[in-house]
Amino acid sequence: MNDKYKDCYGSMFPDTLHLNDNVANTGQVFTVRVEKPEGGVLPVCTSRSIEVDIDQWKVCQLCADYESCYKLSLAKIALESAITCH
């Protein structure tokens, strides 16, 4: 990223291409948890959850780059979901 933007620019969501099981996958605002049984033979997802850091969300909304950062974050999510293997 260039010097014009903060290090967190475009990272409101975690990297969904590289989600780790049974741990918090954290973005600047949103955290995803994918709980899978340990040692299971089948790739079964037993629980998924999303957490929102409301305080950080408020901080992000006050940032001068909020709108473009949010759009970039959404664009990354859209692209990640388009190329994810099912």
N, C-alpha and C. Protein backbone atom coordinates (compact mmCIF):
# COMPACT_ATOMS: atom_id res chain seq x y z
N MET A 1 0.87 -1.18 0.00
CA MET A 1 0.00 0.00 0.00
C MET A 1 0.90 1.23 0.00
N ASN A 2 0.46 2.27 -0.62
CA ASN A 2 1.32 3.46 -0.66
C ASN A 2 1.21 4.26 0.64
N ASP A 3 2.06 5.26 0.79
CA ASP A 3 2.14 6.03 2.02
C ASP A 3 0.91 6.89 2.28
N LYS A 4 0.05 7.05 1.29
CA LYS A 4 -1.12 7.90 1.45
C LYS A 4 -2.15 7.29 2.41
N TYR A 5 -2.17 5.97 2.52
CA TYR A 5 -3.19 5.29 3.32
C TYR A 5 -2.59 4.66 4.57
N LYS A 6 -3.44 4.49 5.57
CA LYS A 6 -3.04 3.80 6.79
C LYS A 6 -2.79 2.33 6.49
N ASP A 7 -2.04 1.66 7.35
CA ASP A 7 -1.74 0.24 7.17
C ASP A 7 -3.00 -0.62 7.17
N CYS A 8 -4.05 -0.17 7.83
CA CYS A 8 -5.29 -0.95 7.95
C CYS A 8 -6.21 -0.78 6.74
N TYR A 9 -5.85 0.07 5.80
CA TYR A 9 -6.71 0.39 4.64
C TYR A 9 -7.11 -0.88 3.88
N GLY A 10 -8.40 -1.09 3.74
CA GLY A 10 -8.92 -2.23 2.99
C GLY A 10 -8.93 -3.54 3.75
N SER A 11 -8.77 -3.47 5.06
CA SER A 11 -8.67 -4.72 5.84
C SER A 11 -9.74 -4.83 6.93
N MET A 12 -10.93 -4.32 6.66
CA MET A 12 -12.00 -4.42 7.65
C MET A 12 -12.37 -5.88 7.93
N PHE A 13 -12.28 -6.74 6.89
CA PHE A 13 -12.62 -8.14 7.00
C PHE A 13 -11.35 -8.98 7.04
N PRO A 14 -11.41 -10.17 7.66
CA PRO A 14 -10.23 -11.04 7.61
C PRO A 14 -10.03 -11.61 6.20
N ASP A 15 -8.87 -12.13 5.94
CA ASP A 15 -8.55 -12.76 4.66
C ASP A 15 -9.31 -14.08 4.58
N THR A 16 -10.38 -14.12 3.81
CA THR A 16 -11.22 -15.32 3.76
C THR A 16 -10.62 -16.43 2.91
N LEU A 17 -9.56 -16.15 2.17
CA LEU A 17 -8.88 -17.21 1.42
C LEU A 17 -8.02 -18.07 2.32
N HIS A 18 -7.67 -17.55 3.47
CA HIS A 18 -6.76 -18.25 4.37
C HIS A 18 -7.32 -18.32 5.79
N LEU A 19 -8.58 -18.71 5.92
CA LEU A 19 -9.18 -18.85 7.24
C LEU A 19 -8.60 -20.07 7.94
N ASN A 20 -8.26 -19.91 9.21
CA ASN A 20 -7.78 -21.02 10.02
C ASN A 20 -8.92 -21.53 10.88
N ASP A 21 -8.99 -22.84 11.02
CA ASP A 21 -10.04 -23.46 11.82
C ASP A 21 -9.75 -23.32 13.31
N ASN A 22 -10.81 -23.18 14.07
CA ASN A 22 -10.78 -23.20 15.53
C ASN A 22 -9.97 -22.07 16.16
N VAL A 23 -9.83 -20.97 15.45
CA VAL A 23 -9.18 -19.76 15.98
C VAL A 23 -9.92 -18.54 15.44
N ALA A 24 -9.65 -17.40 16.04
CA ALA A 24 -10.23 -16.15 15.55
C ALA A 24 -9.44 -15.69 14.34
N ASN A 25 -10.14 -15.44 13.23
CA ASN A 25 -9.55 -14.88 12.02
C ASN A 25 -10.01 -13.42 11.99
N THR A 26 -9.09 -12.52 12.27
CA THR A 26 -9.45 -11.14 12.57
C THR A 26 -9.07 -10.17 11.47
N GLY A 27 -10.04 -9.32 11.13
CA GLY A 27 -9.79 -8.16 10.30
C GLY A 27 -9.81 -6.94 11.20
N GLN A 28 -9.76 -5.78 10.63
CA GLN A 28 -9.76 -4.56 11.43
C GLN A 28 -11.03 -4.42 12.26
N VAL A 29 -12.17 -4.82 11.69
CA VAL A 29 -13.47 -4.68 12.37
C VAL A 29 -14.14 -6.02 12.63
N PHE A 30 -14.05 -6.93 11.67
CA PHE A 30 -14.80 -8.18 11.72
C PHE A 30 -13.89 -9.36 12.01
N THR A 31 -14.40 -10.30 12.82
CA THR A 31 -13.70 -11.53 13.14
C THR A 31 -14.58 -12.70 12.75
N VAL A 32 -13.98 -13.70 12.11
CA VAL A 32 -14.69 -14.90 11.69
C VAL A 32 -14.10 -16.08 12.44
N ARG A 33 -14.99 -16.94 12.93
CA ARG A 33 -14.56 -18.19 13.56
C ARG A 33 -15.21 -19.34 12.82
N VAL A 34 -14.40 -20.32 12.43
CA VAL A 34 -14.88 -21.54 11.80
C VAL A 34 -14.46 -22.68 12.72
N GLU A 35 -15.42 -23.26 13.41
CA GLU A 35 -15.12 -24.33 14.36
C GLU A 35 -15.33 -25.67 13.67
N LYS A 36 -14.30 -26.49 13.68
CA LYS A 36 -14.36 -27.84 13.11
C LYS A 36 -13.86 -28.82 14.16
N PRO A 37 -14.43 -30.01 14.17
CA PRO A 37 -13.96 -31.00 15.15
C PRO A 37 -12.51 -31.40 14.85
N GLU A 38 -11.74 -31.57 15.90
CA GLU A 38 -10.34 -31.98 15.76
C GLU A 38 -10.28 -33.44 15.32
N GLY A 39 -9.41 -33.74 14.38
CA GLY A 39 -9.18 -35.12 13.97
C GLY A 39 -10.29 -35.74 13.14
N GLY A 40 -11.25 -34.95 12.70
CA GLY A 40 -12.32 -35.49 11.88
C GLY A 40 -11.84 -35.87 10.49
N VAL A 41 -12.42 -36.91 9.93
CA VAL A 41 -12.03 -37.37 8.60
C VAL A 41 -12.64 -36.49 7.52
N LEU A 42 -13.89 -36.14 7.70
CA LEU A 42 -14.58 -35.31 6.72
C LEU A 42 -14.39 -33.83 7.03
N PRO A 43 -14.32 -32.98 6.01
CA PRO A 43 -14.20 -31.53 6.24
C PRO A 43 -15.55 -30.93 6.63
N VAL A 44 -15.99 -31.21 7.84
CA VAL A 44 -17.29 -30.77 8.32
C VAL A 44 -17.12 -29.52 9.17
N CYS A 45 -17.90 -28.52 8.88
CA CYS A 45 -17.92 -27.30 9.67
C CYS A 45 -19.07 -27.40 10.65
N THR A 46 -18.77 -27.39 11.93
CA THR A 46 -19.83 -27.53 12.92
C THR A 46 -20.40 -26.20 13.36
N SER A 47 -19.61 -25.14 13.26
CA SER A 47 -20.08 -23.84 13.73
C SER A 47 -19.30 -22.73 13.04
N ARG A 48 -20.03 -21.70 12.63
CA ARG A 48 -19.40 -20.51 12.06
C ARG A 48 -19.98 -19.30 12.77
N SER A 49 -19.15 -18.32 13.03
CA SER A 49 -19.66 -17.11 13.67
C SER A 49 -18.88 -15.89 13.18
N ILE A 50 -19.54 -14.76 13.27
CA ILE A 50 -18.94 -13.48 12.91
C ILE A 50 -19.10 -12.54 14.10
N GLU A 51 -18.03 -11.89 14.45
CA GLU A 51 -18.05 -10.91 15.54
C GLU A 51 -17.71 -9.55 14.95
N VAL A 52 -18.29 -8.52 15.54
CA VAL A 52 -18.04 -7.15 15.09
C VAL A 52 -17.48 -6.36 16.28
N ASP A 53 -16.37 -5.70 16.06
CA ASP A 53 -15.80 -4.81 17.06
C ASP A 53 -16.45 -3.44 16.85
N ILE A 54 -17.51 -3.18 17.60
CA ILE A 54 -18.30 -1.95 17.44
C ILE A 54 -17.45 -0.70 17.69
N ASP A 55 -16.60 -0.75 18.68
CA ASP A 55 -15.75 0.41 18.95
C ASP A 55 -14.83 0.71 17.76
N GLN A 56 -14.24 -0.34 17.18
CA GLN A 56 -13.37 -0.13 16.01
C GLN A 56 -14.20 0.33 14.82
N TRP A 57 -15.42 -0.19 14.67
CA TRP A 57 -16.30 0.25 13.58
C TRP A 57 -16.54 1.75 13.66
N LYS A 58 -16.77 2.25 14.86
CA LYS A 58 -16.99 3.68 15.06
C LYS A 58 -15.73 4.47 14.69
N VAL A 59 -14.56 3.95 15.08
CA VAL A 59 -13.29 4.60 14.72
C VAL A 59 -13.14 4.64 13.21
N CYS A 60 -13.44 3.52 12.56
CA CYS A 60 -13.33 3.47 11.09
C CYS A 60 -14.26 4.49 10.43
N GLN A 61 -15.46 4.62 10.94
CA GLN A 61 -16.42 5.55 10.34
C GLN A 61 -15.97 6.99 10.46
N LEU A 62 -15.14 7.29 11.42
CA LEU A 62 -14.62 8.65 11.59
C LEU A 62 -13.41 8.93 10.72
N CYS A 63 -12.83 7.90 10.15
CA CYS A 63 -11.63 8.06 9.31
C CYS A 63 -11.99 8.75 8.00
N ALA A 64 -11.12 9.61 7.53
CA ALA A 64 -11.34 10.33 6.27
C ALA A 64 -11.43 9.37 5.07
N ASP A 65 -10.80 8.21 5.17
CA ASP A 65 -10.80 7.24 4.07
C ASP A 65 -11.85 6.15 4.24
N TYR A 66 -12.77 6.32 5.18
CA TYR A 66 -13.75 5.27 5.48
C TYR A 66 -14.47 4.74 4.25
N GLU A 67 -15.04 5.61 3.44
CA GLU A 67 -15.88 5.16 2.33
C GLU A 67 -15.07 4.34 1.32
N SER A 68 -13.92 4.82 0.93
CA SER A 68 -13.13 4.06 -0.05
C SER A 68 -12.53 2.80 0.58
N CYS A 69 -12.18 2.85 1.86
CA CYS A 69 -11.67 1.67 2.56
C CYS A 69 -12.74 0.59 2.63
N TYR A 70 -13.96 0.99 2.95
CA TYR A 70 -15.08 0.05 3.02
C TYR A 70 -15.33 -0.58 1.66
N LYS A 71 -15.31 0.23 0.59
CA LYS A 71 -15.52 -0.30 -0.76
C LYS A 71 -14.42 -1.27 -1.15
N LEU A 72 -13.17 -0.95 -0.82
CA LEU A 72 -12.07 -1.85 -1.12
C LEU A 72 -12.21 -3.15 -0.32
N SER A 73 -12.58 -3.04 0.94
CA SER A 73 -12.77 -4.24 1.77
C SER A 73 -13.85 -5.13 1.17
N LEU A 74 -14.96 -4.56 0.72
CA LEU A 74 -16.04 -5.33 0.10
C LEU A 74 -15.59 -5.94 -1.23
N ALA A 75 -14.82 -5.20 -2.01
CA ALA A 75 -14.33 -5.72 -3.28
C ALA A 75 -13.42 -6.92 -3.06
N LYS A 76 -12.59 -6.86 -2.04
CA LYS A 76 -11.71 -7.99 -1.73
C LYS A 76 -12.54 -9.21 -1.33
N ILE A 77 -13.58 -9.01 -0.53
CA ILE A 77 -14.46 -10.11 -0.13
C ILE A 77 -15.14 -10.72 -1.36
N ALA A 78 -15.62 -9.88 -2.26
CA ALA A 78 -16.28 -10.37 -3.47
C ALA A 78 -15.31 -11.20 -4.32
N LEU A 79 -14.11 -10.72 -4.50
CA LEU A 79 -13.13 -11.45 -5.28
C LEU A 79 -12.73 -12.75 -4.60
N GLU A 80 -12.51 -12.70 -3.30
CA GLU A 80 -12.16 -13.90 -2.56
C GLU A 80 -13.24 -14.97 -2.68
N SER A 81 -14.50 -14.57 -2.61
CA SER A 81 -15.57 -15.56 -2.71
C SER A 81 -15.72 -16.08 -4.13
N ALA A 82 -15.33 -15.29 -5.12
CA ALA A 82 -15.40 -15.75 -6.51
C ALA A 82 -14.34 -16.80 -6.83
N ILE A 83 -13.21 -16.76 -6.12
CA ILE A 83 -12.12 -17.70 -6.44
C ILE A 83 -11.93 -18.79 -5.40
N THR A 84 -12.77 -18.84 -4.39
CA THR A 84 -12.66 -19.87 -3.35
C THR A 84 -13.09 -21.22 -3.91
N CYS A 85 -12.30 -22.24 -3.59
CA CYS A 85 -12.64 -23.61 -4.00
C CYS A 85 -13.77 -24.12 -3.09
N HIS A 86 -14.71 -24.81 -3.69
CA HIS A 86 -15.83 -25.34 -2.91
C HIS A 86 -15.71 -26.83 -2.79
